[in-house]
Each structure stands twice: as C-alpha cells, then as structure tokens.
N, C-alpha and C. Protein backbone atom coordinates (compact mmCIF):
# COMPACT_ATOMS: atom_id res chain seq x y z
N MET A 1 113.86 6.82 12.37
CA MET A 1 112.91 5.84 12.18
C MET A 1 112.05 6.17 11.44
N LEU A 2 111.75 4.81 10.74
CA LEU A 2 110.77 4.88 9.26
C LEU A 2 109.47 4.51 9.39
N ALA A 3 108.58 4.98 8.61
CA ALA A 3 107.10 4.73 8.70
C ALA A 3 106.83 4.49 7.44
N LYS A 4 105.88 3.36 6.74
CA LYS A 4 105.39 3.19 5.97
C LYS A 4 104.68 3.30 5.62
N LYS A 5 104.03 3.86 3.92
CA LYS A 5 102.75 4.46 3.38
C LYS A 5 102.29 3.24 3.42
N THR A 6 101.14 3.16 3.93
CA THR A 6 100.47 1.67 3.03
C THR A 6 99.66 1.97 1.86
N SER A 7 99.09 1.23 1.08
CA SER A 7 98.10 1.11 0.06
C SER A 7 97.14 2.59 -0.40
N LYS A 8 96.28 2.45 1.24
CA LYS A 8 95.34 3.28 1.16
C LYS A 8 96.09 5.02 1.51
N ASN A 9 97.08 5.45 1.17
CA ASN A 9 98.31 6.03 1.18
C ASN A 9 97.93 6.35 3.13
N GLN A 10 98.08 5.42 3.88
CA GLN A 10 98.11 5.83 5.66
C GLN A 10 99.60 5.73 6.02
N LEU A 11 99.89 6.29 7.55
CA LEU A 11 101.12 6.22 7.66
C LEU A 11 101.03 5.94 9.48
N THR A 12 101.53 4.78 9.74
CA THR A 12 101.95 4.23 10.98
C THR A 12 103.00 4.86 11.97
N LEU A 13 102.74 5.85 12.72
CA LEU A 13 103.70 6.31 13.51
C LEU A 13 104.51 5.66 14.18
N PRO A 14 105.61 5.38 14.52
CA PRO A 14 106.38 4.38 15.64
C PRO A 14 106.03 4.81 16.88
N LYS A 15 105.75 3.71 17.50
CA LYS A 15 105.59 3.74 19.57
C LYS A 15 106.94 4.67 19.79
N GLU A 16 108.00 4.66 19.45
CA GLU A 16 108.70 6.17 20.04
C GLU A 16 108.35 7.48 20.19
N ILE A 17 108.02 8.00 18.79
CA ILE A 17 107.00 9.19 18.54
C ILE A 17 106.01 9.32 19.52
N VAL A 18 105.02 8.24 19.09
CA VAL A 18 104.03 8.28 19.67
C VAL A 18 103.73 8.42 21.48
N LYS A 19 104.51 7.51 21.65
CA LYS A 19 104.75 8.06 23.27
C LYS A 19 104.98 9.23 23.76
N GLU A 20 105.79 10.07 23.19
CA GLU A 20 106.05 11.60 23.56
C GLU A 20 104.59 12.32 23.65
N PHE A 21 103.41 11.97 22.96
CA PHE A 21 102.51 12.72 22.75
C PHE A 21 101.33 12.11 23.76
N PRO A 22 101.27 11.85 24.45
CA PRO A 22 99.80 10.97 25.21
C PRO A 22 98.97 11.83 25.36
N ASN A 23 97.69 10.88 25.22
CA ASN A 23 96.51 11.74 24.94
C ASN A 23 96.07 12.55 23.31
N VAL A 24 97.03 13.03 22.97
CA VAL A 24 97.34 13.18 21.17
C VAL A 24 96.26 12.17 20.39
N ASP A 25 95.08 12.74 19.81
CA ASP A 25 94.35 11.68 18.43
C ASP A 25 94.83 12.25 16.94
N TYR A 26 95.11 13.45 17.32
CA TYR A 26 94.77 14.39 16.35
C TYR A 26 95.83 15.25 15.98
N PHE A 27 96.61 15.55 14.67
CA PHE A 27 97.70 15.76 14.11
C PHE A 27 97.66 16.72 12.52
N ASP A 28 97.83 17.99 12.87
CA ASP A 28 98.30 18.78 11.61
C ASP A 28 98.98 18.32 10.94
N ALA A 29 98.79 18.11 9.45
CA ALA A 29 100.00 17.58 8.80
C ALA A 29 100.48 18.98 7.76
N LYS A 30 101.29 19.41 7.27
CA LYS A 30 101.58 20.43 6.69
C LYS A 30 103.09 19.76 5.71
N VAL A 31 103.10 20.35 4.41
CA VAL A 31 104.72 20.14 3.92
C VAL A 31 105.63 21.10 3.70
N LYS A 32 106.63 21.13 4.02
CA LYS A 32 107.41 21.97 4.09
C LYS A 32 108.54 22.03 3.85
N GLY A 33 108.82 22.31 2.56
CA GLY A 33 109.72 22.02 1.73
C GLY A 33 109.96 20.55 1.17
N ARG A 34 110.63 19.56 1.54
CA ARG A 34 110.37 18.10 1.21
C ARG A 34 110.82 17.32 2.38
N ALA A 35 109.69 18.21 3.37
CA ALA A 35 109.25 17.49 4.77
C ALA A 35 107.76 17.58 5.00
N ILE A 36 107.49 16.50 5.40
CA ILE A 36 105.85 16.07 6.44
C ILE A 36 106.22 16.34 7.86
N VAL A 37 105.89 17.87 7.98
CA VAL A 37 105.30 18.51 9.75
C VAL A 37 104.23 17.74 10.51
N LEU A 38 104.02 17.17 11.54
CA LEU A 38 102.59 16.58 12.24
C LEU A 38 103.02 17.73 13.38
N THR A 39 102.28 18.24 13.95
CA THR A 39 101.94 19.28 14.73
C THR A 39 100.65 18.48 15.32
N PRO A 40 100.45 18.22 16.94
CA PRO A 40 99.57 17.90 17.98
C PRO A 40 98.64 19.17 17.71
N VAL A 41 97.35 18.62 17.52
CA VAL A 41 96.04 19.31 17.61
C VAL A 41 94.95 18.79 18.44
N LYS A 42 94.76 19.85 19.54
CA LYS A 42 93.53 19.43 20.59
C LYS A 42 91.90 19.64 19.94
N ILE A 43 90.83 18.41 19.55
CA ILE A 43 89.87 19.34 19.39
C ILE A 43 89.08 19.65 20.11
N THR A 44 88.23 21.00 19.97
CA THR A 44 87.11 21.74 21.30
C THR A 44 86.12 21.18 20.65
N PRO A 45 85.46 20.29 21.51
CA PRO A 45 83.78 19.89 20.95
C PRO A 45 83.45 21.53 20.26
N LEU A 46 82.22 21.11 19.60
CA LEU A 46 81.08 22.06 18.90
C LEU A 46 80.23 22.82 20.17
N ASP A 47 80.22 22.06 21.15
CA ASP A 47 78.76 22.53 22.27
C ASP A 47 79.96 23.36 23.40
N THR A 48 80.89 23.67 23.05
CA THR A 48 81.80 24.70 24.11
C THR A 48 80.94 25.86 24.15
N SER A 49 80.56 26.71 25.40
CA SER A 49 79.81 27.59 25.28
C SER A 49 80.51 28.75 25.97
N ILE A 50 80.22 29.83 25.53
CA ILE A 50 81.06 31.16 25.41
C ILE A 50 81.39 31.10 27.58
N GLU A 51 80.52 30.72 28.54
CA GLU A 51 80.81 30.79 29.86
C GLU A 51 82.38 30.19 29.92
N MET A 52 82.40 28.71 29.31
CA MET A 52 83.59 27.98 29.26
C MET A 52 84.40 28.62 29.14
N ILE A 53 84.58 28.77 27.64
CA ILE A 53 85.25 30.16 27.31
C ILE A 53 86.27 31.38 28.49
N ARG A 54 84.93 32.35 29.09
CA ARG A 54 85.41 33.26 29.84
C ARG A 54 86.19 32.42 30.94
N GLU A 55 85.40 31.22 31.62
CA GLU A 55 86.36 30.06 32.49
C GLU A 55 87.84 30.10 32.41
N LYS A 56 88.22 29.87 30.90
CA LYS A 56 89.61 29.67 30.97
C LYS A 56 90.55 31.17 30.27
N MET A 57 89.70 31.89 29.90
CA MET A 57 90.17 33.12 30.31
C MET A 57 90.89 33.68 31.55
N ALA A 58 89.78 33.48 32.39
CA ALA A 58 89.77 33.81 33.40
C ALA A 58 91.22 33.16 34.77
N ARG A 59 91.29 31.43 34.28
CA ARG A 59 92.33 30.69 34.38
C ARG A 59 93.89 31.58 33.99
N LEU A 60 93.82 31.66 32.51
CA LEU A 60 94.92 32.03 31.99
C LEU A 60 95.02 33.10 32.08
N GLY A 61 94.54 34.59 33.17
CA GLY A 61 94.40 35.71 33.31
C GLY A 61 94.37 36.74 32.08
N ILE A 62 93.68 36.13 31.11
CA ILE A 62 93.20 37.36 30.11
C ILE A 62 91.93 37.99 30.49
N ALA A 63 91.94 39.02 30.41
CA ALA A 63 90.95 40.59 30.50
C ALA A 63 90.21 40.90 29.36
N GLU A 64 89.19 41.19 29.34
CA GLU A 64 88.63 41.82 28.23
C GLU A 64 89.36 42.88 27.26
N PRO A 65 90.31 43.84 28.50
CA PRO A 65 90.70 44.92 27.42
C PRO A 65 91.80 43.68 26.92
N ASP A 66 92.62 43.06 27.35
CA ASP A 66 93.65 41.78 26.89
C ASP A 66 93.26 42.01 25.46
N VAL A 67 91.70 41.02 25.49
CA VAL A 67 90.94 40.81 24.28
C VAL A 67 90.96 42.25 23.06
N ARG A 68 90.19 42.91 23.96
CA ARG A 68 90.07 43.91 22.77
C ARG A 68 91.41 44.40 22.23
N ASP A 69 92.60 44.80 22.97
CA ASP A 69 93.56 45.27 22.35
C ASP A 69 94.04 44.44 21.13
N ALA A 70 93.81 42.74 21.19
CA ALA A 70 94.50 42.20 20.38
C ALA A 70 93.60 42.27 19.26
N VAL A 71 92.14 42.37 19.06
CA VAL A 71 91.34 42.34 18.53
C VAL A 71 91.70 43.95 17.02
N LYS A 72 92.17 45.07 18.03
CA LYS A 72 92.67 46.43 17.38
C LYS A 72 93.48 46.09 16.59
N TRP A 73 95.15 45.38 17.45
CA TRP A 73 96.07 45.22 16.55
C TRP A 73 95.83 44.16 15.99
N ALA A 74 95.01 42.81 15.37
CA ALA A 74 94.62 41.94 14.16
C ALA A 74 94.48 42.88 13.28
N ARG A 75 93.45 43.83 13.61
CA ARG A 75 92.75 44.10 12.30
C ARG A 75 93.75 45.41 11.82
N LYS A 76 94.26 45.87 12.54
CA LYS A 76 95.06 47.06 11.51
C LYS A 76 95.90 46.96 10.58
N ARG A 77 95.33 47.71 9.66
CA ARG A 77 95.60 47.94 8.04
C ARG A 77 97.37 47.89 8.01
N LYS A 78 98.04 47.05 6.95
CA LYS A 78 99.26 46.91 6.64
C LYS A 78 99.72 47.94 5.78
N ARG A 79 100.23 48.85 5.79
CA ARG A 79 100.47 49.47 4.47
C ARG A 79 101.84 49.29 3.66
C-alpha cells in the first residue's frame, strides 16, 4: 500500500492499515535502517493517580515484591 507525503510532511495511513488499530490515535515513529516503523501508543492522562496505578497492578497480578525485584534488577551495574 502506498502512503503519500504531503507538502506539510504529513502521511495519511491507508484505511486497510488504520482498521487494524481501532481506538489508536497516536503512533511512535522510528527509523530502522531504510524503513519507518510506527508503533501504536496509548497516552496516559497526567492526572493518573498512584491509586489507579496500584489498581492496575493488582489486576495484572503484580505485587510490591515484584516491583522491588524489577527495580533491583534494572539498577544492577553492568560490568
């Protein structure tokens, strides 16, 4: 499928592609080699509270020890 760049450097995605990503309004754009890669992104409101984050963690089955272990792993120094 072709997408044409406008004079304002904008691209319009073909309907066939857009219908594969319902309810997605934003995409992260990166260059990989000679290709443009678009990744769907969900924008989180700035007013997201810590309580909302904790509720989501509970729904996903993530407990505080899991977070502690993940932070410890991420902070390990690479030698």
